[in-house]
Protein backbone atom coordinates (compact mmCIF):
# COMPACT_ATOMS: atom_id res chain seq x y z
CA MET A 1 -118.08 120.66 204.71
CA PHE A 2 -118.07 124.32 205.78
CA LYS A 3 -114.55 124.01 207.19
CA ARG A 4 -113.18 122.83 203.88
CA THR A 5 -114.98 125.57 201.96
CA ARG A 6 -113.80 128.22 204.39
CA TRP A 7 -110.13 127.17 204.17
CA THR A 8 -110.34 126.89 200.41
CA LEU A 9 -111.64 130.46 200.22
CA VAL A 10 -108.97 131.65 202.66
CA GLY A 11 -106.30 129.95 200.53
CA TYR A 12 -107.60 131.53 197.33
CA GLY A 13 -107.78 134.93 199.03
CA LEU A 14 -104.22 134.69 200.36
CA GLY A 15 -102.96 133.47 197.00
CA ALA A 16 -104.65 136.31 195.13
CA THR A 17 -103.42 138.90 197.64
CA THR A 18 -99.81 137.75 197.56
CA SER A 19 -99.89 137.55 193.77
CA TYR A 20 -101.18 141.13 193.59
CA LEU A 21 -98.56 142.40 196.04
CA ALA A 22 -95.74 140.57 194.24
CA ALA A 23 -96.84 141.98 190.87
CA ARG A 24 -97.04 145.48 192.35
CA ARG A 25 -93.53 145.20 193.79
CA LEU A 26 -92.24 143.87 190.49
CA ARG A 27 -93.80 146.78 188.59
CA ARG A 28 -92.18 149.27 190.99
CA THR A 29 -88.78 147.62 190.59
CA ALA A 30 -89.14 147.54 186.82
CA ALA A 31 -90.09 151.23 186.79
CA LYS A 32 -87.05 152.03 188.92
CA TYR A 33 -84.77 150.43 186.33
CA ALA A 34 -86.51 151.80 183.27
CA PRO A 35 -84.12 153.35 180.73
CA THR A 36 -84.63 156.98 181.82
CA GLU A 37 -83.97 156.11 185.44
CA VAL A 38 -80.98 153.97 184.57
CA VAL A 39 -79.45 156.69 182.42
CA SER A 40 -79.82 159.33 185.12
CA ARG A 41 -78.43 157.07 187.85
CA VAL A 42 -75.53 155.79 185.78
CA GLY A 43 -74.76 159.27 184.51
CA ALA A 44 -74.60 160.62 188.04
CA SER A 45 -72.36 157.83 189.34
CA VAL A 46 -70.11 157.79 186.28
CA GLY A 47 -69.80 161.58 186.36
CA GLY A 48 -68.67 161.47 189.97
CA THR A 49 -66.23 158.66 189.30
CA ALA A 50 -64.88 160.39 186.20
CA ARG A 51 -64.24 163.55 188.20
CA GLN A 52 -62.44 161.56 190.90
CA VAL A 53 -60.26 159.78 188.34
CA GLN A 54 -59.49 163.06 186.57
CA ASN A 55 -58.50 164.69 189.87
CA ALA A 56 -56.30 161.71 190.78
CA VAL A 57 -54.56 161.77 187.38
CA THR A 58 -53.98 165.52 187.60
CA GLU A 59 -52.56 165.22 191.11
CA GLY A 60 -50.39 162.28 190.06
CA ARG A 61 -48.99 164.15 187.07
CA SER A 62 -48.14 167.23 189.13
CA THR A 63 -46.45 165.06 191.77
CA MET A 64 -44.56 163.22 189.01
CA ARG A 65 -43.32 166.49 187.51
CA THR A 66 -42.24 167.79 190.90
CA ARG A 67 -40.36 164.59 191.70
CA GLU A 68 -38.75 164.52 188.25
CA ALA A 69 -37.54 168.10 188.72
CA GLU A 70 -36.08 167.16 192.13
CA LEU A 71 -34.28 164.14 190.68
CA ARG A 72 -32.94 166.09 187.69
CA SER A 73 -31.57 168.84 189.94
CA SER A 74 -30.05 166.41 192.43
CA HIS A 75 -28.35 164.31 189.71
CA ALA A 76 -27.47 167.28 187.46
CA ILE A 77 -29.30 165.89 184.43
CA ASP A 78 -29.85 168.41 181.66
CA ARG A 79 -32.99 168.62 179.53
CA GLY A 80 -31.04 167.90 176.30
CA ALA A 81 -30.19 164.34 177.36
CA ARG A 82 -33.86 163.58 177.84
CA HIS A 83 -34.70 164.92 174.39
CA ARG A 84 -31.94 162.84 172.73
CA LEU A 85 -33.18 159.65 174.39
CA ARG A 86 -36.76 160.24 173.31
CA THR A 87 -35.97 160.74 169.60
CA ARG A 88 -34.13 157.42 169.16
């Protein structure tokens, strides 16, 4: 009789303890992803990514302009021909 009572109490104790610990972990995780935290984290990561994309685009455009100038000089293409093609 005492064995059964003891193991029942141990089971209830373990169940209550694990439920408390799981709820505590869930509350911490929910607090981590609360709107203010999400906004600050997303803002930081998006800001970094936006800067990287902007730098890549700027570098790509400058490289494009340099290469275009090289090609125009090597093939003796004047600027007027480019303007006439664009307006059509």
